[in-house]
Amino acid sequence: MTLDDVFLWLQRAVDRLIRRLRAGSAPLADCRRFLVIQIDGLSRAVLESAMAAGRLRTLRRLLRRGQLVLRPMSVGIPTSTPAFQAGVFYGVTPDIPGFHWYDKRARADIYFPRPGVADFVEERHARNRRGIMEGGACYGCIFTGGAAENLWTFARITQPLRAGRSLLTIAASAFLLLWVVAKCVVLTAFEMVRAVLRLIANPVGETRRGWRWLLFKIGLSIWLRQLFTLSATADLYRGVPAVYVNFLEYDVFAHAYGPRHPRALRALRHVDRSIAELWRAVRRLPELRYDLYVLSDHGQAPTRPFTEVSGGVSIEGVVLAAFSPGSRGLGPRRLRGLARWLQAYRRTRGRGLYQRYLNYMERDFPERVLPPEALRRLEPIRVVAAGPNAFVYFTDAAEPLSFEAIEARFPGAALEVSRHPGVGFVLARSANGPLCLYRGRVWSLNEACATGPFTGREDRNVVLEGLTDLMEMPSAGDLVIYGIGAPVGHVSYLHEMGAHAGPSPEELQAFVLHPPAVALPSLPLTRPSQLYAHFMAYCEGRR
């Protein structure tokens, strides 16, 4: 028996005592329960190679013994956590085109880490819908899915009285909290000692690596993962009907270093240990009838930052130059200046007087690099870089503009953007359906899948369906620019080595591991909303 088991046993004894004092009873085993473990950002290809290399030994063992089976899943487009969880939790086709976009109707910038944004988006999608997590607990998610208890969930992260409610009940979680803190302090001290020894042995290499990596490792690999694992295990012992744990560690390191970088793959070992602990708890509680699912919300494509292939110019600068009537007179120096100021502002999260000053700066500096007539034409154009995707909005129109309307106002501009070596393709709307602008040519999506950028893809029907869904979202840009499949290789419009939101196989092809006795939908899994009815059956006592 490990120390984790000892403290969980003590916690369970405290729970039983509290129930007796309150004249309560143990959880009933009248229906099946579920535990979902999400490994954020892990593609099916990396899953298989990581199991073969021994980095996911627990999952490999469970599959070999037949305790879990693997079901391929395409996660739909955009390949992002918010869109995936909205589909699974509420069974909707989401209006969530990315992790960051501009809502023309509400005239609001939607960026998930910003306080209140995830709550606002969840409320839109949960209207008149039941969530699969009703009465349950979730950890590390974007949305709650109706869970009463949640921790580090974007939709509740600024509301501590609603987030992590069970952990705030100190009397009921004293042993668990004490053990989590003690264990994390020891592991943090051990990691700090190792970092100092590495610095002494290799001062140049460790200085280049920087402290950011160490802080990531301590925060995600130690504190957050341990807290999620032990809290979810305690929920299992308490008989919580639905538990959803999203381990973020691999996704964060894959963004920073690439999806197959050793640091990202090392994170999978840590996640595998947590899966082993949660599996042990499920196995020790047969009377509570938990079904274990392990899945991923998307994969990641290896990318290079756009500025590396554009001479330092941001995607905002490239788009504004293409749409400017004086763009031919804009030299690279002026364009780089505009790009730098736009990027600096986009990275800023200031408030109050400081934010008003930045607003002034944003208005002032484009005037120094663009002629007045160009500024008047560009004023309603908003560019949002969100990863390997960027959205272009014409904010003087509340509804999405068609390609024909954009061409009438800015002849040839969108096609010029599609010719850039850092652009894979550009999507637009038309009366006859979505269009794909590729290397200066206009294709229908059907043509693009048959003979264009997606030719040769075995899953081209899934790609066609996903991109069509994306362009039917009112919140998607009037133009949607993708760096996936660019002439220079996959490109992200943010500074990241791994990215997702696009249709590449690495991003799109994920997986669900489930008990062999459980029947998932018989049709191929091509969108997350197909799993909604399956998990709602648990909530309604039909399993």
Protein backbone atom coordinates (compact mmCIF):
# COMPACT_ATOMS: atom_id res chain seq x y z
CA MET A 1 0.00 0.00 0.00
CA THR A 2 1.42 3.39 -1.02
CA LEU A 3 1.28 6.56 1.07
CA ASP A 4 -1.35 7.87 -1.35
CA ASP A 5 -3.50 4.86 -0.49
CA VAL A 6 -3.02 5.43 3.26
CA PHE A 7 -4.20 9.04 3.10
CA LEU A 8 -7.09 8.16 0.82
CA TRP A 9 -8.14 5.44 3.28
CA LEU A 10 -8.02 7.99 6.12
CA GLN A 11 -10.03 10.44 4.01
CA ARG A 12 -12.62 7.75 3.31
CA ALA A 13 -12.89 7.01 7.04
CA VAL A 14 -13.52 10.71 7.70
CA ASP A 15 -16.20 10.72 4.99
CA ARG A 16 -17.95 7.74 6.60
CA LEU A 17 -17.89 9.44 10.00
CA ILE A 18 -19.36 12.65 8.55
CA ARG A 19 -22.13 10.66 6.85
CA ARG A 20 -23.02 8.94 10.15
CA LEU A 21 -23.13 12.26 12.00
CA ARG A 22 -25.41 13.62 9.29
CA ALA A 23 -27.48 10.40 9.25
CA GLY A 24 -26.39 9.89 5.66
CA SER A 25 -25.68 6.67 3.82
CA ALA A 26 -22.98 5.26 1.59
CA PRO A 27 -23.32 5.85 -2.17
CA LEU A 28 -25.83 3.53 -3.81
CA ALA A 29 -24.70 1.15 -6.55
CA ASP A 30 -28.01 1.39 -8.39
CA CYS A 31 -26.46 2.50 -11.70
CA ARG A 32 -23.13 2.67 -13.44
CA ARG A 33 -20.78 5.63 -13.05
CA PHE A 34 -18.02 6.94 -15.29
CA LEU A 35 -14.52 8.37 -15.02
CA VAL A 36 -13.13 10.18 -18.08
CA ILE A 37 -9.42 10.94 -18.26
CA GLN A 38 -8.57 13.41 -21.02
CA ILE A 39 -4.94 13.65 -22.15
CA ASP A 40 -5.03 17.12 -23.63
CA GLY A 41 -3.44 17.49 -27.06
CA LEU A 42 -2.37 13.86 -27.62
CA SER A 43 -2.86 12.56 -31.16
CA ARG A 44 -3.50 8.91 -31.92
CA ALA A 45 -0.14 8.63 -33.70
CA VAL A 46 1.80 9.98 -30.70
CA LEU A 47 -0.26 7.77 -28.35
CA GLU A 48 0.75 4.66 -30.29
CA SER A 49 4.43 5.61 -30.53
CA ALA A 50 4.53 6.58 -26.83
CA MET A 51 3.06 3.21 -25.82
CA ALA A 52 5.56 1.40 -28.04
CA ALA A 53 8.42 3.36 -26.44
CA GLY A 54 7.24 2.53 -22.90
CA ARG A 55 6.17 6.07 -21.99
CA LEU A 56 2.53 5.04 -21.46
CA ARG A 57 3.01 1.66 -19.80
CA THR A 58 -0.28 1.67 -17.90
CA LEU A 59 -2.34 2.27 -21.04
CA ARG A 60 -0.32 -0.31 -22.97
CA ARG A 61 -0.92 -2.88 -20.23
CA LEU A 62 -4.67 -2.14 -20.05
CA LEU A 63 -4.99 -2.54 -23.82
CA ARG A 64 -2.95 -5.76 -23.94
CA ARG A 65 -5.01 -7.31 -21.13
CA GLY A 66 -8.25 -6.36 -22.85
CA GLN A 67 -9.40 -4.13 -20.00
CA LEU A 68 -9.66 -1.25 -22.46
CA VAL A 69 -10.08 -1.16 -26.23
CA LEU A 70 -9.04 1.61 -28.61
CA ARG A 71 -11.58 3.35 -30.83
CA PRO A 72 -10.30 5.88 -33.40
CA MET A 73 -12.00 9.27 -33.36
CA SER A 74 -11.82 12.36 -35.55
CA VAL A 75 -12.56 15.35 -33.36
CA GLY A 76 -14.00 17.80 -35.90
CA ILE A 77 -12.79 21.28 -36.82
CA PRO A 78 -11.57 23.38 -35.16
CA THR A 79 -9.38 20.87 -33.39
CA SER A 80 -9.50 22.64 -30.04
CA THR A 81 -10.42 21.88 -26.44
CA PRO A 82 -13.36 24.35 -26.14
CA ALA A 83 -15.09 23.04 -29.28
CA PHE A 84 -14.49 19.42 -28.24
CA GLN A 85 -15.80 19.83 -24.69
CA ALA A 86 -18.85 21.84 -25.81
CA GLY A 87 -19.76 18.97 -28.13
CA VAL A 88 -19.19 16.20 -25.58
CA PHE A 89 -20.67 18.02 -22.57
CA TYR A 90 -23.79 19.45 -24.25
CA GLY A 91 -24.24 17.59 -27.55
CA VAL A 92 -24.20 20.77 -29.64
CA THR A 93 -22.51 21.79 -32.86
CA PRO A 94 -20.57 24.63 -31.30
CA ASP A 95 -20.10 28.19 -32.47
CA ILE A 96 -16.50 28.16 -31.22
CA PRO A 97 -14.15 28.73 -34.17
CA GLY A 98 -10.96 28.75 -32.09
CA PHE A 99 -9.35 29.64 -28.79
CA HIS A 100 -9.50 33.35 -29.64
CA TRP A 101 -11.87 35.18 -31.97
CA TYR A 102 -13.91 38.36 -32.40
CA ASP A 103 -17.70 38.31 -31.99
CA LYS A 104 -19.01 40.83 -34.53
CA ARG A 105 -22.55 40.71 -33.19
CA ALA A 106 -21.54 41.37 -29.58
CA ARG A 107 -18.57 43.52 -30.70
CA ALA A 108 -16.44 41.63 -28.19
CA ASP A 109 -13.03 39.98 -28.21
CA ILE A 110 -13.44 36.35 -27.08
CA TYR A 111 -10.26 34.92 -25.55
CA PHE A 112 -10.70 31.98 -23.17
CA PRO A 113 -8.07 32.81 -20.52
CA ARG A 114 -9.74 36.20 -20.02
CA PRO A 115 -11.97 36.26 -16.88
CA GLY A 116 -15.63 35.55 -17.58
CA VAL A 117 -15.20 34.51 -21.22
CA ALA A 118 -15.51 30.72 -20.75
CA ASP A 119 -18.53 31.21 -18.48
CA PHE A 120 -20.15 33.44 -21.15
CA VAL A 121 -19.49 30.92 -23.94
CA GLU A 122 -20.69 27.96 -21.85
CA GLU A 123 -23.92 29.75 -20.98
CA ARG A 124 -24.61 30.23 -24.69
CA HIS A 125 -24.09 26.56 -25.50
CA ALA A 126 -25.74 25.11 -22.39
CA ARG A 127 -29.02 26.97 -22.90
CA ASN A 128 -31.90 24.46 -22.65
CA ARG A 129 -29.40 21.57 -22.58
CA ARG A 130 -28.43 19.15 -19.83
CA GLY A 131 -24.74 18.62 -19.24
CA ILE A 132 -23.27 15.14 -18.89
CA MET A 133 -21.47 16.18 -15.67
CA GLU A 134 -24.59 16.97 -13.62
CA GLY A 135 -23.92 15.93 -10.03
CA GLY A 136 -20.30 15.21 -10.89
CA ALA A 137 -16.85 16.76 -10.64
CA CYS A 138 -14.43 17.99 -13.29
CA TYR A 139 -10.82 19.14 -13.19
CA GLY A 140 -8.77 21.22 -15.62
CA CYS A 141 -11.56 21.68 -18.18
CA ILE A 142 -12.72 24.69 -20.17
CA PHE A 143 -16.40 24.16 -19.28
CA THR A 144 -18.12 22.52 -16.31
CA GLY A 145 -20.64 20.37 -18.17
CA GLY A 146 -23.02 21.08 -15.30
CA ALA A 147 -20.64 19.72 -12.64
CA ALA A 148 -21.35 21.04 -9.16
CA GLU A 149 -17.72 20.57 -8.11
CA ASN A 150 -14.87 21.68 -10.34
CA LEU A 151 -11.30 22.82 -9.98
CA TRP A 152 -9.11 24.85 -12.35
CA THR A 153 -11.99 25.07 -14.82
CA PHE A 154 -11.88 28.15 -17.05
CA ALA A 155 -15.59 28.82 -16.63
CA ARG A 156 -15.20 29.05 -12.83
CA ILE A 157 -11.56 30.01 -12.36
CA THR A 158 -12.38 33.50 -11.04
CA GLN A 159 -15.19 32.23 -8.79
CA PRO A 160 -13.54 30.30 -5.93
CA LEU A 161 -16.84 29.78 -4.14
CA ARG A 162 -18.10 27.82 -7.17
CA ALA A 163 -14.79 26.25 -8.22
CA GLY A 164 -13.25 23.53 -6.11
CA ARG A 165 -16.11 23.61 -3.64
CA SER A 166 -15.23 20.20 -2.20
CA LEU A 167 -11.64 21.21 -1.49
CA LEU A 168 -12.79 24.39 0.21
CA THR A 169 -14.70 22.24 2.69
CA ILE A 170 -11.57 21.84 4.80
CA ALA A 171 -13.17 19.70 7.48
CA ALA A 172 -14.19 17.12 4.90
CA SER A 173 -10.91 17.14 2.95
CA ALA A 174 -8.31 17.74 5.65
CA PHE A 175 -6.29 14.56 5.17
CA LEU A 176 -6.32 14.89 1.39
CA LEU A 177 -5.20 18.53 1.42
CA LEU A 178 -2.46 17.91 3.98
CA TRP A 179 -1.09 15.03 1.96
CA VAL A 180 -1.24 16.92 -1.37
CA VAL A 181 0.62 19.90 0.10
CA ALA A 182 3.23 17.77 1.88
CA LYS A 183 3.85 15.59 -1.16
CA CYS A 184 4.11 18.56 -3.53
CA VAL A 185 6.49 20.46 -1.23
CA VAL A 186 8.84 17.46 -1.11
CA LEU A 187 8.67 16.90 -4.88
CA THR A 188 9.22 20.62 -5.54
CA ALA A 189 12.29 20.68 -3.28
CA PHE A 190 13.64 17.58 -5.03
CA GLU A 191 13.10 19.17 -8.45
CA MET A 192 14.81 22.40 -7.35
CA VAL A 193 17.85 20.44 -6.15
CA ARG A 194 18.00 18.62 -9.48
CA ALA A 195 17.78 21.96 -11.32
CA VAL A 196 20.70 23.38 -9.31
CA LEU A 197 22.79 20.27 -10.01
CA ARG A 198 22.00 20.52 -13.73
CA LEU A 199 22.99 24.20 -13.68
CA ILE A 200 26.34 23.37 -12.05
CA ALA A 201 27.00 20.55 -14.52
CA ASN A 202 25.93 22.49 -17.63
CA PRO A 203 25.61 26.24 -16.93
CA VAL A 204 25.41 27.26 -20.60
CA GLY A 205 22.75 24.72 -21.58
CA GLU A 206 20.62 25.29 -18.49
CA THR A 207 20.78 29.08 -18.88
CA ARG A 208 19.55 28.73 -22.45
CA ARG A 209 16.76 26.45 -21.28
CA GLY A 210 15.61 29.16 -18.87
CA TRP A 211 13.53 29.06 -15.71
CA ARG A 212 10.28 28.97 -17.62
CA TRP A 213 10.68 25.24 -18.24
CA LEU A 214 11.32 24.59 -14.54
CA LEU A 215 8.27 26.62 -13.48
CA PHE A 216 6.12 24.73 -16.00
CA LYS A 217 7.38 21.43 -14.65
CA ILE A 218 6.79 22.33 -11.00
CA GLY A 219 3.39 23.91 -11.61
CA LEU A 220 1.94 21.36 -14.04
CA SER A 221 3.87 18.14 -13.41
CA ILE A 222 3.83 18.37 -9.64
CA TRP A 223 1.23 20.64 -8.04
CA LEU A 224 -1.61 20.58 -10.56
CA ARG A 225 -1.30 16.93 -11.57
CA GLN A 226 -1.03 15.71 -7.97
CA LEU A 227 -4.00 17.83 -6.92
CA PHE A 228 -6.13 16.60 -9.82
CA THR A 229 -5.16 12.96 -9.29
CA LEU A 230 -5.77 12.79 -5.55
CA SER A 231 -8.93 14.92 -5.69
CA ALA A 232 -10.41 12.75 -8.44
CA THR A 233 -9.45 9.59 -6.55
CA ALA A 234 -11.23 10.93 -3.47
CA ASP A 235 -14.30 11.59 -5.66
CA LEU A 236 -14.24 7.96 -6.77
CA TYR A 237 -14.17 6.73 -3.17
CA ARG A 238 -17.11 9.04 -2.41
CA GLY A 239 -19.11 7.57 -5.27
CA VAL A 240 -19.43 10.77 -7.33
CA PRO A 241 -21.48 9.66 -10.38
CA ALA A 242 -19.38 11.42 -13.05
CA VAL A 243 -15.71 12.46 -12.86
CA TYR A 244 -13.81 14.17 -15.69
CA VAL A 245 -10.07 14.90 -15.35
CA ASN A 246 -8.18 16.81 -18.03
CA PHE A 247 -4.40 16.48 -17.72
CA LEU A 248 -2.92 19.59 -19.37
CA GLU A 249 0.78 18.84 -18.98
CA TYR A 250 1.54 17.24 -22.35
CA ASP A 251 -0.39 19.87 -24.32
CA VAL A 252 1.46 22.77 -22.68
CA PHE A 253 4.90 21.27 -23.30
CA ALA A 254 3.96 20.26 -26.86
CA HIS A 255 2.97 23.86 -27.62
CA ALA A 256 6.26 25.13 -26.23
CA TYR A 257 8.63 22.55 -27.72
CA GLY A 258 6.75 20.44 -30.28
CA PRO A 259 4.48 17.36 -29.99
CA ARG A 260 7.35 14.84 -30.23
CA HIS A 261 9.96 16.78 -28.28
CA PRO A 262 11.53 14.79 -25.39
CA ARG A 263 10.17 17.26 -22.82
CA ALA A 264 6.63 16.81 -24.12
CA LEU A 265 6.98 13.02 -24.26
CA ARG A 266 8.43 13.00 -20.74
CA ALA A 267 5.21 14.62 -19.56
CA LEU A 268 3.32 11.54 -20.77
CA ARG A 269 5.19 9.39 -18.24
CA HIS A 270 3.85 11.59 -15.45
CA VAL A 271 0.31 11.44 -16.82
CA ASP A 272 0.60 7.66 -17.11
CA ARG A 273 1.43 7.42 -13.39
CA SER A 274 -1.71 9.38 -12.57
CA ILE A 275 -3.77 7.10 -14.81
CA ALA A 276 -2.34 4.11 -12.90
CA GLU A 277 -3.44 5.61 -9.57
CA LEU A 278 -6.95 6.34 -10.83
CA TRP A 279 -7.24 2.86 -12.37
CA ARG A 280 -6.27 1.28 -9.03
CA ALA A 281 -9.07 3.21 -7.35
CA VAL A 282 -11.61 2.05 -9.97
CA ARG A 283 -10.47 -1.56 -9.56
CA ARG A 284 -10.79 -1.39 -5.76
CA LEU A 285 -14.37 -0.10 -5.96
CA PRO A 286 -16.22 -2.75 -7.99
CA GLU A 287 -19.38 -2.13 -5.97
CA LEU A 288 -19.59 1.43 -7.38
CA ARG A 289 -19.44 0.17 -10.99
CA TYR A 290 -17.19 2.79 -12.55
CA ASP A 291 -16.39 2.66 -16.27
CA LEU A 292 -13.01 4.15 -17.21
CA TYR A 293 -12.55 6.14 -20.42
CA VAL A 294 -9.27 7.65 -21.63
CA LEU A 295 -9.54 10.03 -24.57
CA SER A 296 -7.98 13.01 -26.27
CA ASP A 297 -9.62 16.19 -27.50
CA HIS A 298 -7.22 16.78 -30.42
CA GLY A 299 -3.61 16.29 -31.47
CA GLN A 300 -0.93 18.80 -32.39
CA ALA A 301 0.98 19.50 -35.57
CA PRO A 302 4.66 20.47 -35.41
CA THR A 303 4.87 24.11 -36.48
CA ARG A 304 7.25 27.01 -36.89
CA PRO A 305 6.34 30.60 -36.02
CA PHE A 306 5.06 32.67 -38.94
CA THR A 307 7.56 35.45 -38.25
CA GLU A 308 10.40 33.05 -39.11
CA VAL A 309 9.17 32.79 -42.71
CA SER A 310 7.88 36.35 -43.14
CA GLY A 311 10.97 38.35 -42.25
CA GLY A 312 9.58 39.24 -38.84
CA VAL A 313 6.21 40.53 -40.12
CA SER A 314 3.13 39.26 -38.27
CA ILE A 315 0.07 37.84 -40.01
CA GLU A 316 -1.73 41.06 -39.05
CA GLY A 317 0.86 43.06 -40.94
CA VAL A 318 0.64 40.82 -44.01
CA VAL A 319 -3.17 41.02 -44.13
CA LEU A 320 -3.27 44.78 -43.62
CA ALA A 321 -0.64 45.26 -46.31
CA ALA A 322 -2.60 43.11 -48.78
CA PHE A 323 -5.84 44.97 -48.09
CA SER A 324 -4.26 48.42 -48.17
CA PRO A 325 -4.71 50.38 -51.44
CA GLY A 326 -1.23 51.80 -50.85
CA SER A 327 0.34 48.44 -50.05
CA ARG A 328 2.71 48.52 -53.00
CA GLY A 329 4.31 51.60 -51.49
CA LEU A 330 4.68 50.00 -48.06
CA GLY A 331 8.27 48.94 -47.69
CA PRO A 332 9.30 46.00 -45.47
CA ARG A 333 10.63 48.39 -42.84
CA ARG A 334 7.29 50.14 -42.35
CA LEU A 335 5.43 46.84 -42.47
CA ARG A 336 7.67 45.35 -39.77
CA GLY A 337 7.08 48.44 -37.64
CA LEU A 338 3.32 48.04 -37.88
CA ALA A 339 3.59 44.33 -37.12
CA ARG A 340 5.68 44.94 -34.01
CA TRP A 341 3.21 47.43 -32.57
CA LEU A 342 0.24 45.21 -33.32
CA GLN A 343 1.95 42.20 -31.73
CA ALA A 344 2.99 44.18 -28.67
CA TYR A 345 -0.55 45.36 -28.10
CA ARG A 346 -2.01 41.89 -28.69
CA ARG A 347 0.24 40.44 -25.97
CA THR A 348 -0.77 43.10 -23.44
CA ARG A 349 -3.40 42.48 -20.78
CA GLY A 350 -3.28 45.89 -19.11
CA ARG A 351 -6.07 47.55 -17.18
CA GLY A 352 -7.19 51.01 -16.14
CA LEU A 353 -5.07 54.04 -17.00
CA TYR A 354 -2.34 51.84 -18.48
CA GLN A 355 -4.85 50.15 -20.79
CA ARG A 356 -6.22 53.53 -21.94
CA TYR A 357 -2.68 54.60 -22.76
CA LEU A 358 -2.19 51.43 -24.81
CA ASN A 359 -5.47 52.09 -26.61
CA TYR A 360 -4.10 55.50 -27.55
CA MET A 361 -0.84 53.92 -28.70
CA GLU A 362 -2.72 51.41 -30.85
CA ARG A 363 -4.59 54.25 -32.58
CA ASP A 364 -1.51 56.43 -32.95
CA PHE A 365 1.21 54.20 -34.30
CA PRO A 366 -0.49 52.79 -37.41
CA GLU A 367 -0.83 56.42 -38.54
CA ARG A 368 2.97 56.61 -38.66
CA VAL A 369 3.39 53.65 -40.99
CA LEU A 370 0.28 53.78 -43.20
CA PRO A 371 -0.91 56.61 -45.47
CA PRO A 372 -4.19 58.32 -44.40
CA GLU A 373 -6.24 56.90 -47.31
CA ALA A 374 -5.10 53.37 -46.41
CA LEU A 375 -6.04 53.87 -42.77
CA ARG A 376 -9.59 54.87 -43.71
CA ARG A 377 -9.98 51.72 -45.79
CA LEU A 378 -8.44 49.44 -43.13
CA GLU A 379 -10.28 50.83 -40.11
CA PRO A 380 -13.03 48.16 -40.06
CA ILE A 381 -10.60 45.24 -40.52
CA ARG A 382 -9.82 43.15 -37.45
CA VAL A 383 -7.25 40.33 -37.57
CA VAL A 384 -7.11 37.77 -34.75
CA ALA A 385 -4.16 35.36 -34.69
CA ALA A 386 -5.28 32.27 -32.76
CA GLY A 387 -2.63 29.61 -33.47
CA PRO A 388 -2.22 27.93 -36.85
CA ASN A 389 -5.37 29.83 -37.75
CA ALA A 390 -6.10 33.55 -38.05
CA PHE A 391 -9.47 35.24 -38.49
CA VAL A 392 -10.11 38.34 -40.59
CA TYR A 393 -13.26 40.31 -39.69
CA PHE A 394 -14.86 43.29 -41.41
CA THR A 395 -16.41 44.86 -38.34
CA ASP A 396 -18.69 47.31 -40.18
CA ALA A 397 -20.94 44.35 -41.09
CA ALA A 398 -22.66 42.45 -38.27
CA GLU A 399 -23.16 39.30 -40.35
CA PRO A 400 -20.43 37.31 -42.14
CA LEU A 401 -19.40 38.74 -45.52
CA SER A 402 -19.24 36.59 -48.64
CA PHE A 403 -16.12 36.29 -50.76
CA GLU A 404 -17.89 38.18 -53.53
CA ALA A 405 -18.58 41.13 -51.18
CA ILE A 406 -14.97 41.14 -49.98
CA GLU A 407 -13.67 41.04 -53.57
CA ALA A 408 -15.91 43.97 -54.52
CA ARG A 409 -14.37 46.08 -51.75
CA PHE A 410 -10.78 44.78 -51.92
CA PRO A 411 -10.15 43.24 -55.35
CA GLY A 412 -7.52 40.51 -55.29
CA ALA A 413 -6.50 41.10 -51.66
CA ALA A 414 -7.64 37.74 -50.26
CA LEU A 415 -5.98 35.87 -53.14
CA GLU A 416 -2.77 37.78 -52.49
CA VAL A 417 -2.80 36.56 -48.87
CA SER A 418 -3.29 32.96 -50.07
CA ARG A 419 -0.06 33.21 -52.11
CA HIS A 420 2.10 33.97 -49.08
CA PRO A 421 4.63 31.18 -48.33
CA GLY A 422 3.47 31.14 -44.70
CA VAL A 423 -0.18 30.52 -45.64
CA GLY A 424 -1.56 27.07 -46.36
CA PHE A 425 -5.04 28.06 -47.51
CA VAL A 426 -7.76 30.64 -46.86
CA LEU A 427 -11.45 29.84 -46.32
CA ALA A 428 -14.31 32.13 -47.34
CA ARG A 429 -18.08 31.96 -47.71
CA SER A 430 -20.17 32.17 -50.86
CA ALA A 431 -23.78 31.69 -51.89
CA ASN A 432 -22.85 28.22 -53.17
CA GLY A 433 -21.04 27.12 -50.03
CA PRO A 434 -17.57 27.53 -48.54
CA LEU A 435 -14.62 28.37 -50.77
CA CYS A 436 -10.94 27.49 -50.42
CA LEU A 437 -8.39 30.04 -51.66
CA TYR A 438 -5.22 28.11 -52.44
CA ARG A 439 -2.04 29.47 -54.01
CA GLY A 440 -3.91 32.33 -55.68
CA ARG A 441 -6.78 30.17 -57.00
CA VAL A 442 -10.38 29.86 -55.84
CA TRP A 443 -11.71 26.34 -55.26
CA SER A 444 -14.93 25.01 -53.86
CA LEU A 445 -14.33 22.84 -50.80
CA ASN A 446 -15.32 19.77 -52.82
CA GLU A 447 -12.66 20.63 -55.42
CA ALA A 448 -10.09 21.33 -52.70
CA CYS A 449 -10.69 17.88 -51.22
CA ALA A 450 -10.62 16.17 -54.63
CA THR A 451 -7.69 17.86 -56.39
CA GLY A 452 -6.55 20.74 -54.16
CA PRO A 453 -4.74 20.98 -50.82
CA PHE A 454 -6.51 17.94 -49.32
CA THR A 455 -6.07 15.56 -52.24
CA GLY A 456 -4.82 12.13 -51.25
CA ARG A 457 -6.31 12.32 -47.75
CA GLU A 458 -8.13 9.11 -46.82
CA ASP A 459 -10.28 11.14 -44.45
CA ARG A 460 -11.08 13.92 -46.94
CA ASN A 461 -14.83 13.51 -46.34
CA VAL A 462 -14.21 14.19 -42.64
CA VAL A 463 -12.09 17.22 -43.57
CA LEU A 464 -14.82 18.49 -45.90
CA GLU A 465 -17.48 18.06 -43.20
CA GLY A 466 -15.33 19.76 -40.55
CA LEU A 467 -14.38 22.78 -42.66
CA THR A 468 -18.01 23.18 -43.74
CA ASP A 469 -19.07 23.14 -40.08
CA LEU A 470 -16.43 25.76 -39.32
CA MET A 471 -17.60 28.17 -42.02
CA GLU A 472 -21.21 27.75 -40.89
CA MET A 473 -20.26 29.17 -37.49
CA PRO A 474 -21.38 32.82 -37.31
CA SER A 475 -18.32 33.62 -35.17
CA ALA A 476 -15.76 32.33 -37.68
CA GLY A 477 -13.94 35.09 -39.54
CA ASP A 478 -15.13 36.49 -42.85
CA LEU A 479 -11.83 34.98 -43.96
CA VAL A 480 -10.15 32.12 -42.09
CA ILE A 481 -6.42 31.79 -42.75
CA TYR A 482 -4.62 28.53 -42.02
CA GLY A 483 -0.87 28.01 -41.79
CA ILE A 484 -1.35 24.24 -41.95
CA GLY A 485 0.03 22.90 -45.23
CA ALA A 486 1.93 26.10 -46.07
CA PRO A 487 4.68 25.80 -48.73
CA VAL A 488 7.33 26.10 -46.00
CA GLY A 489 5.64 23.49 -43.78
CA HIS A 490 3.06 23.86 -41.02
CA VAL A 491 3.04 27.40 -39.61
CA SER A 492 1.52 28.94 -36.49
CA TYR A 493 0.64 32.62 -36.28
CA LEU A 494 1.64 32.56 -32.62
CA HIS A 495 5.13 31.79 -31.36
CA GLU A 496 4.76 28.05 -30.73
CA MET A 497 6.43 24.85 -31.88
CA GLY A 498 3.26 22.78 -31.73
CA ALA A 499 -0.23 23.95 -32.63
CA HIS A 500 -3.78 22.80 -33.27
CA ALA A 501 -7.09 24.09 -34.69
CA GLY A 502 -6.61 22.88 -38.25
CA PRO A 503 -7.38 19.82 -40.39
CA SER A 504 -4.00 18.05 -40.52
CA PRO A 505 -4.08 14.34 -39.60
CA GLU A 506 -1.86 15.07 -36.58
CA GLU A 507 -4.49 17.47 -35.19
CA LEU A 508 -7.66 15.71 -36.29
CA GLN A 509 -7.08 12.04 -35.47
CA ALA A 510 -7.53 11.26 -31.78
CA PHE A 511 -8.89 8.28 -29.83
CA VAL A 512 -11.20 6.92 -27.14
CA LEU A 513 -10.13 4.03 -24.91
CA HIS A 514 -13.15 2.37 -23.30
CA PRO A 515 -14.16 -0.87 -21.52
CA PRO A 516 -14.82 -3.70 -24.00
CA ALA A 517 -18.30 -4.27 -22.54
CA VAL A 518 -19.30 -0.69 -23.36
CA ALA A 519 -20.80 0.00 -26.80
CA LEU A 520 -19.94 3.39 -28.25
CA PRO A 521 -21.98 4.71 -31.23
CA SER A 522 -21.66 2.29 -34.13
CA LEU A 523 -21.06 4.96 -36.78
CA PRO A 524 -17.50 6.27 -37.24
CA LEU A 525 -16.74 8.93 -34.63
CA THR A 526 -16.22 12.13 -36.62
CA ARG A 527 -17.41 14.78 -34.18
CA PRO A 528 -17.42 15.01 -30.36
CA SER A 529 -21.18 15.56 -30.07
CA GLN A 530 -21.65 11.87 -30.99
CA LEU A 531 -20.45 10.96 -27.47
CA TYR A 532 -23.07 13.13 -25.73
CA ALA A 533 -25.94 10.62 -25.80
CA HIS A 534 -23.59 7.87 -24.66
CA PHE A 535 -22.60 9.73 -21.49
CA MET A 536 -26.10 11.13 -20.89
CA ALA A 537 -27.28 7.52 -20.56
CA TYR A 538 -25.26 7.34 -17.31
CA CYS A 539 -26.95 10.49 -15.99
CA GLU A 540 -30.38 9.10 -16.82
CA GLY A 541 -29.67 5.72 -15.19
CA ARG A 542 -29.78 3.78 -18.46
CA ARG A 543 -26.43 2.00 -17.98
